[in-house]
C-alpha atoms as a PDB file:
ATOM      1  CA  MET A   1     107.694 134.357 129.776  1.00  0.00           C
ATOM      2  CA  LEU A   2     107.001 137.625 132.237  1.00  0.00           C
ATOM      3  CA  ARG A   3     105.876 133.895 134.788  1.00  0.00           C
ATOM      4  CA  LYS A   4     109.572 132.473 133.784  1.00  0.00           C
ATOM      5  CA  LEU A   5     110.941 136.093 135.684  1.00  0.00           C
ATOM      6  CA  TYR A   6     108.762 135.759 138.023  1.00  0.00           C
ATOM      7  CA  ASP A   7     109.314 132.160 139.489  1.00  0.00           C
ATOM      8  CA  TRP A   8     112.537 132.760 137.967  1.00  0.00           C
ATOM      9  CA  THR A   9     112.796 135.623 140.317  1.00  0.00           C
ATOM     10  CA  LEU A  10     111.475 134.077 143.367  1.00  0.00           C
ATOM     11  CA  SER A  11     113.154 131.458 143.458  1.00  0.00           C
ATOM     12  CA  VAL A  12     117.154 133.026 143.467  1.00  0.00           C
ATOM     13  CA  ALA A  13     115.543 135.826 146.190  1.00  0.00           C
ATOM     14  CA  ALA A  14     117.488 133.729 148.824  1.00  0.00           C
ATOM     15  CA  HIS A  15     120.329 133.528 147.425  1.00  0.00           C
ATOM     16  CA  ARG A  16     123.554 135.562 148.630  1.00  0.00           C
ATOM     17  CA  HIS A  17     123.811 137.288 145.024  1.00  0.00           C
ATOM     18  CA  ALA A  18     120.329 138.130 144.480  1.00  0.00           C
ATOM     19  CA  ARG A  19     120.463 142.296 146.560  1.00  0.00           C
ATOM     20  CA  TRP A  20     123.584 142.506 143.671  1.00  0.00           C
ATOM     21  CA  TRP A  21     121.397 142.036 140.990  1.00  0.00           C
ATOM     22  CA  LEU A  22     118.373 143.880 142.787  1.00  0.00           C
ATOM     23  CA  ALA A  23     121.022 146.611 142.974  1.00  0.00           C
ATOM     24  CA  ALA A  24     122.383 145.296 139.066  1.00  0.00           C
ATOM     25  CA  ILE A  25     118.623 146.642 137.703  1.00  0.00           C
ATOM     26  CA  SER A  26     118.148 149.491 139.554  1.00  0.00           C
ATOM     27  CA  PHE A  27     120.909 150.859 138.718  1.00  0.00           C
ATOM     28  CA  ALA A  28     120.259 150.234 135.439  1.00  0.00           C
ATOM     29  CA  GLU A  29     116.875 151.648 135.076  1.00  0.00           C
ATOM     30  CA  SER A  30     117.026 154.853 136.039  1.00  0.00           C
ATOM     31  CA  SER A  31     119.870 155.029 133.274  1.00  0.00           C
ATOM     32  CA  PHE A  32     118.991 153.308 130.638  1.00  0.00           C
ATOM     33  CA  PHE A  33     116.832 149.415 131.037  1.00  0.00           C
ATOM     34  CA  PRO A  34     114.190 149.313 130.271  1.00  0.00           C
ATOM     35  CA  VAL A  35     112.434 147.251 133.522  1.00  0.00           C
ATOM     36  CA  PRO A  36     111.596 148.789 136.610  1.00  0.00           C
ATOM     37  CA  PRO A  37     112.872 147.162 139.416  1.00  0.00           C
ATOM     38  CA  ASP A  38     109.619 146.790 140.625  1.00  0.00           C
ATOM     39  CA  VAL A  39     110.004 143.374 138.892  1.00  0.00           C
ATOM     40  CA  ALA A  40     112.833 141.531 141.298  1.00  0.00           C
ATOM     41  CA  LEU A  41     111.917 143.611 144.074  1.00  0.00           C
ATOM     42  CA  MET A  42     108.471 142.021 144.584  1.00  0.00           C
ATOM     43  CA  PRO A  43     108.966 138.501 143.655  1.00  0.00           C
ATOM     44  CA  MET A  44     111.856 139.624 146.030  1.00  0.00           C
ATOM     45  CA  VAL A  45     109.700 140.783 149.181  1.00  0.00           C
ATOM     46  CA  LEU A  46     107.147 138.215 148.586  1.00  0.00           C
ATOM     47  CA  ALA A  47     110.100 135.640 148.986  1.00  0.00           C
ATOM     48  CA  GLU A  48     111.376 137.064 152.018  1.00  0.00           C
ATOM     49  CA  ARG A  49     109.261 139.161 153.781  1.00  0.00           C
ATOM     50  CA  LYS A  50     111.042 139.847 156.549  1.00  0.00           C
ATOM     51  CA  ARG A  51     114.458 141.255 154.314  1.00  0.00           C
ATOM     52  CA  ALA A  52     111.144 143.835 152.122  1.00  0.00           C
ATOM     53  CA  PHE A  53     112.707 147.365 153.402  1.00  0.00           C
ATOM     54  CA  GLU A  54     116.417 146.188 152.623  1.00  0.00           C
ATOM     55  CA  TYR A  55     115.704 145.618 149.622  1.00  0.00           C
ATOM     56  CA  ALA A  56     114.157 148.273 149.306  1.00  0.00           C
ATOM     57  CA  LEU A  57     116.783 151.238 150.373  1.00  0.00           C
ATOM     58  CA  ILE A  58     119.143 148.758 148.156  1.00  0.00           C
ATOM     59  CA  CYS A  59     116.235 149.615 145.361  1.00  0.00           C
ATOM     60  CA  THR A  60     116.696 153.028 146.734  1.00  0.00           C
ATOM     61  CA  ILE A  61     120.314 153.415 146.005  1.00  0.00           C
ATOM     62  CA  ALA A  62     120.513 151.875 143.660  1.00  0.00           C
ATOM     63  CA  SER A  63     118.191 153.720 141.888  1.00  0.00           C
ATOM     64  CA  VAL A  64     119.501 157.293 142.977  1.00  0.00           C
ATOM     65  CA  LEU A  65     123.196 155.722 141.772  1.00  0.00           C
ATOM     66  CA  GLY A  66     121.951 155.200 138.183  1.00  0.00           C
ATOM     67  CA  GLY A  67     120.170 158.810 138.913  1.00  0.00           C
ATOM     68  CA  ILE A  68     123.054 160.035 138.249  1.00  0.00           C
ATOM     69  CA  ALA A  69     125.003 157.590 136.122  1.00  0.00           C
ATOM     70  CA  GLY A  70     121.415 158.993 133.894  1.00  0.00           C
ATOM     71  CA  TYR A  71     122.697 162.412 134.462  1.00  0.00           C
ATOM     72  CA  ALA A  72     126.338 161.857 133.756  1.00  0.00           C
ATOM     73  CA  ILE A  73     125.032 160.798 130.879  1.00  0.00           C
ATOM     74  CA  GLY A  74     122.730 164.146 129.663  1.00  0.00           C
ATOM     75  CA  TYR A  75     125.475 165.920 131.298  1.00  0.00           C
ATOM     76  CA  PHE A  76     128.391 164.895 129.366  1.00  0.00           C
ATOM     77  CA  LEU A  77     127.840 162.475 126.591  1.00  0.00           C
ATOM     78  CA  PHE A  78     125.126 163.755 125.408  1.00  0.00           C
ATOM     79  CA  ASP A  79     126.001 164.818 122.048  1.00  0.00           C
ATOM     80  CA  THR A  80     127.070 161.237 122.056  1.00  0.00           C
ATOM     81  CA  LEU A  81     125.499 158.372 124.225  1.00  0.00           C
ATOM     82  CA  GLY A  82     122.407 160.881 125.813  1.00  0.00           C
ATOM     83  CA  ALA A  83     120.824 162.030 123.087  1.00  0.00           C
ATOM     84  CA  TRP A  84     120.627 157.584 121.064  1.00  0.00           C
ATOM     85  CA  ILE A  85     119.452 156.759 124.145  1.00  0.00           C
ATOM     86  CA  LEU A  86     116.945 159.761 123.892  1.00  0.00           C
ATOM     87  CA  ASP A  87     116.434 158.077 119.867  1.00  0.00           C
ATOM     88  CA  VAL A  88     116.183 154.391 120.721  1.00  0.00           C
ATOM     89  CA  TYR A  89     112.699 155.744 123.144  1.00  0.00           C
ATOM     90  CA  GLY A  90     112.290 158.234 120.317  1.00  0.00           C
ATOM     91  CA  TYR A  91     112.075 161.238 122.475  1.00  0.00           C
ATOM     92  CA  HIS A  92     114.730 163.253 121.655  1.00  0.00           C
ATOM     93  CA  GLU A  93     113.042 165.676 119.327  1.00  0.00           C
ATOM     94  CA  LYS A  94     109.925 166.504 121.596  1.00  0.00           C
ATOM     95  CA  PHE A  95     112.767 167.041 124.292  1.00  0.00           C
ATOM     96  CA  ALA A  96     114.688 169.135 122.145  1.00  0.00           C
ATOM     97  CA  ALA A  97     111.247 171.677 122.016  1.00  0.00           C
ATOM     98  CA  VAL A  98     111.384 171.407 126.134  1.00  0.00           C
ATOM     99  CA  GLN A  99     115.075 171.996 126.936  1.00  0.00           C
ATOM    100  CA  GLY A 100     115.038 175.520 128.009  1.00  0.00           C
ATOM    101  CA  SER A 101     111.801 175.267 130.176  1.00  0.00           C
ATOM    102  CA  TYR A 102     112.923 172.265 132.319  1.00  0.00           C
ATOM    103  CA  ASN A 103     114.644 173.814 134.738  1.00  0.00           C
ATOM    104  CA  ALA A 104     111.681 175.511 136.303  1.00  0.00           C
ATOM    105  CA  TYR A 105     109.885 172.676 137.525  1.00  0.00           C
ATOM    106  CA  GLY A 106     112.752 170.182 137.545  1.00  0.00           C
ATOM    107  CA  ALA A 107     112.421 169.798 141.572  1.00  0.00           C
ATOM    108  CA  TRP A 108     109.300 167.665 140.549  1.00  0.00           C
ATOM    109  CA  ILE A 109     109.106 166.153 137.040  1.00  0.00           C
ATOM    110  CA  VAL A 110     112.577 164.659 138.535  1.00  0.00           C
ATOM    111  CA  PHE A 111     110.182 163.132 141.178  1.00  0.00           C
ATOM    112  CA  THR A 112     106.828 162.772 139.284  1.00  0.00           C
ATOM    113  CA  ALA A 113     108.740 160.085 137.246  1.00  0.00           C
ATOM    114  CA  GLY A 114     110.269 158.803 140.521  1.00  0.00           C
ATOM    115  CA  LEU A 115     106.921 158.026 141.890  1.00  0.00           C
ATOM    116  CA  THR A 116     105.367 156.696 138.574  1.00  0.00           C
ATOM    117  CA  PRO A 117     106.023 154.693 135.527  1.00  0.00           C
ATOM    118  CA  ILE A 118     107.436 156.865 132.845  1.00  0.00           C
ATOM    119  CA  PRO A 119     110.380 155.932 132.094  1.00  0.00           C
ATOM    120  CA  TYR A 120     112.672 157.737 134.564  1.00  0.00           C
ATOM    121  CA  LYS A 121     116.480 157.153 132.536  1.00  0.00           C
ATOM    122  CA  ILE A 122     114.581 160.313 130.642  1.00  0.00           C
ATOM    123  CA  PHE A 123     114.611 162.108 132.735  1.00  0.00           C
ATOM    124  CA  THR A 124     118.088 161.895 134.724  1.00  0.00           C
ATOM    125  CA  ILE A 125     119.702 162.228 131.643  1.00  0.00           C
ATOM    126  CA  ALA A 126     117.667 165.725 130.191  1.00  0.00           C
ATOM    127  CA  SER A 127     118.459 166.475 133.891  1.00  0.00           C
ATOM    128  CA  GLY A 128     121.770 166.009 133.038  1.00  0.00           C
ATOM    129  CA  VAL A 129     121.294 167.889 129.672  1.00  0.00           C
ATOM    130  CA  THR A 130     119.713 170.825 131.249  1.00  0.00           C
ATOM    131  CA  GLN A 131     122.366 171.413 134.002  1.00  0.00           C
ATOM    132  CA  LEU A 132     119.379 171.082 136.686  1.00  0.00           C
ATOM    133  CA  ASN A 133     120.693 171.924 139.644  1.00  0.00           C
ATOM    134  CA  LEU A 134     122.874 168.704 140.907  1.00  0.00           C
ATOM    135  CA  ALA A 135     121.503 169.057 144.652  1.00  0.00           C
ATOM    136  CA  VAL A 136     118.153 169.305 143.260  1.00  0.00           C
ATOM    137  CA  PHE A 137     118.011 166.605 141.258  1.00  0.00           C
ATOM    138  CA  PHE A 138     118.998 164.483 143.853  1.00  0.00           C
ATOM    139  CA  ILE A 139     117.116 165.222 146.575  1.00  0.00           C
ATOM    140  CA  ALA A 140     113.928 165.160 144.430  1.00  0.00           C
ATOM    141  CA  SER A 141     115.282 161.929 142.945  1.00  0.00           C
ATOM    142  CA  CYS A 142     115.958 160.729 146.652  1.00  0.00           C
ATOM    143  CA  ALA A 143     112.431 161.903 147.679  1.00  0.00           C
ATOM    144  CA  ALA A 144     110.551 160.217 145.240  1.00  0.00           C
ATOM    145  CA  ARG A 145     112.011 156.067 144.196  1.00  0.00           C
ATOM    146  CA  GLY A 146     112.822 156.100 148.460  1.00  0.00           C
ATOM    147  CA  LEU A 147     108.518 157.348 149.235  1.00  0.00           C
ATOM    148  CA  ARG A 148     108.394 154.206 145.855  1.00  0.00           C
ATOM    149  CA  PHE A 149     109.760 151.929 146.655  1.00  0.00           C
ATOM    150  CA  PHE A 150     109.240 152.150 150.212  1.00  0.00           C
ATOM    151  CA  ALA A 151     105.816 151.881 149.366  1.00  0.00           C
ATOM    152  CA  VAL A 152     105.101 148.880 147.906  1.00  0.00           C
ATOM    153  CA  ALA A 153     108.057 147.245 150.075  1.00  0.00           C
ATOM    154  CA  ALA A 154     105.900 148.065 153.112  1.00  0.00           C
ATOM    155  CA  LEU A 155     102.684 146.540 150.752  1.00  0.00           C
ATOM    156  CA  LEU A 156     103.937 143.612 150.306  1.00  0.00           C
ATOM    157  CA  TRP A 157     105.078 142.884 154.020  1.00  0.00           C
ATOM    158  CA  TRP A 158     102.462 144.211 155.697  1.00  0.00           C
ATOM    159  CA  PHE A 159     100.148 142.159 153.124  1.00  0.00           C
ATOM    160  CA  GLY A 160     102.522 139.223 152.555  1.00  0.00           C
ATOM    161  CA  PRO A 161     101.228 135.717 151.739  1.00  0.00           C
ATOM    162  CA  PRO A 162      97.115 136.433 151.040  1.00  0.00           C
ATOM    163  CA  ILE A 163      99.279 139.631 148.211  1.00  0.00           C
ATOM    164  CA  ARG A 164     101.717 136.442 146.685  1.00  0.00           C
ATOM    165  CA  ALA A 165      98.850 133.433 146.352  1.00  0.00           C
ATOM    166  CA  PHE A 166      96.299 136.828 144.697  1.00  0.00           C
ATOM    167  CA  ILE A 167     100.601 137.138 142.556  1.00  0.00           C
ATOM    168  CA  ASP A 168      99.917 134.050 141.454  1.00  0.00           C
ATOM    169  CA  LYS A 169      96.165 133.691 140.700  1.00  0.00           C
ATOM    170  CA  TYR A 170      96.226 136.860 138.901  1.00  0.00           C
ATOM    171  CA  PHE A 171      99.632 136.622 137.782  1.00  0.00           C
ATOM    172  CA  GLY A 172      99.027 136.539 133.437  1.00  0.00           C
ATOM    173  CA  LEU A 173      95.771 139.398 134.252  1.00  0.00           C
ATOM    174  CA  LEU A 174      98.636 141.580 136.201  1.00  0.00           C
ATOM    175  CA  SER A 175     101.831 141.464 133.337  1.00  0.00           C
ATOM    176  CA  ILE A 176      99.512 142.425 131.531  1.00  0.00           C
ATOM    177  CA  LEU A 177      98.381 145.569 133.292  1.00  0.00           C
ATOM    178  CA  PHE A 178     102.027 145.997 133.789  1.00  0.00           C
ATOM    179  CA  VAL A 179     102.764 146.433 130.901  1.00  0.00           C
ATOM    180  CA  ILE A 180     100.354 148.305 129.957  1.00  0.00           C
ATOM    181  CA  LEU A 181     101.605 150.955 132.142  1.00  0.00           C
ATOM    182  CA  LEU A 182     104.934 150.682 130.841  1.00  0.00           C
ATOM    183  CA  ILE A 183     103.477 151.781 127.830  1.00  0.00           C
ATOM    184  CA  GLY A 184     101.718 154.170 129.143  1.00  0.00           C
ATOM    185  CA  GLY A 185     104.138 155.795 130.652  1.00  0.00           C
ATOM    186  CA  PHE A 186     106.484 155.957 127.985  1.00  0.00           C
ATOM    187  CA  LEU A 187     103.135 157.334 126.191  1.00  0.00           C
ATOM    188  CA  ALA A 188     102.821 159.862 128.982  1.00  0.00           C
ATOM    189  CA  VAL A 189     106.686 161.084 128.664  1.00  0.00           C
ATOM    190  CA  SER A 190     105.471 161.369 124.584  1.00  0.00           C
ATOM    191  CA  LEU A 191     102.717 163.656 125.318  1.00  0.00           C
ATOM    192  CA  VAL A 192     104.735 165.594 127.745  1.00  0.00           C
ATOM    193  CA  LEU A 193     107.882 166.426 125.729  1.00  0.00           C
END
């Protein structure tokens, strides 16, 4: 299934709506969607290396805007939508336990979550619930998401065809590694919360 998604993403990377799909995935991942935008970013950069940094910028802007939507869910809608999202991921009770001390390290928590496979949406919602300073949240999000997406784009731009050949050759193994990292991110959150 992942192979079909990868192949499809490569085929639509040059499509006139590809940037909108990338933005939509990046936005959604920061507030409620479980799949990170790297799934779309990587094949799109590999298909059109000259647009690598444009795609990274799209991911960064859309992800930060999605993070603000996640913050708003936590701030305004926690009792309804925010609690439900945390319940879906199994973090509601654990979140309640650390809610009081969250703001002491909020900037570093948001920055770390924004760089890693840890589910970023949990921390965007948590930041709204705990009313982390919005400017701090915004700066940490911009820094982390920008660093992450521009680093991915730069590596793919730099290595180009050889990395694409590597991904094509070892796609199955890389997919398993990706799933392990994704699950590991969820487990890391459950240990922290």
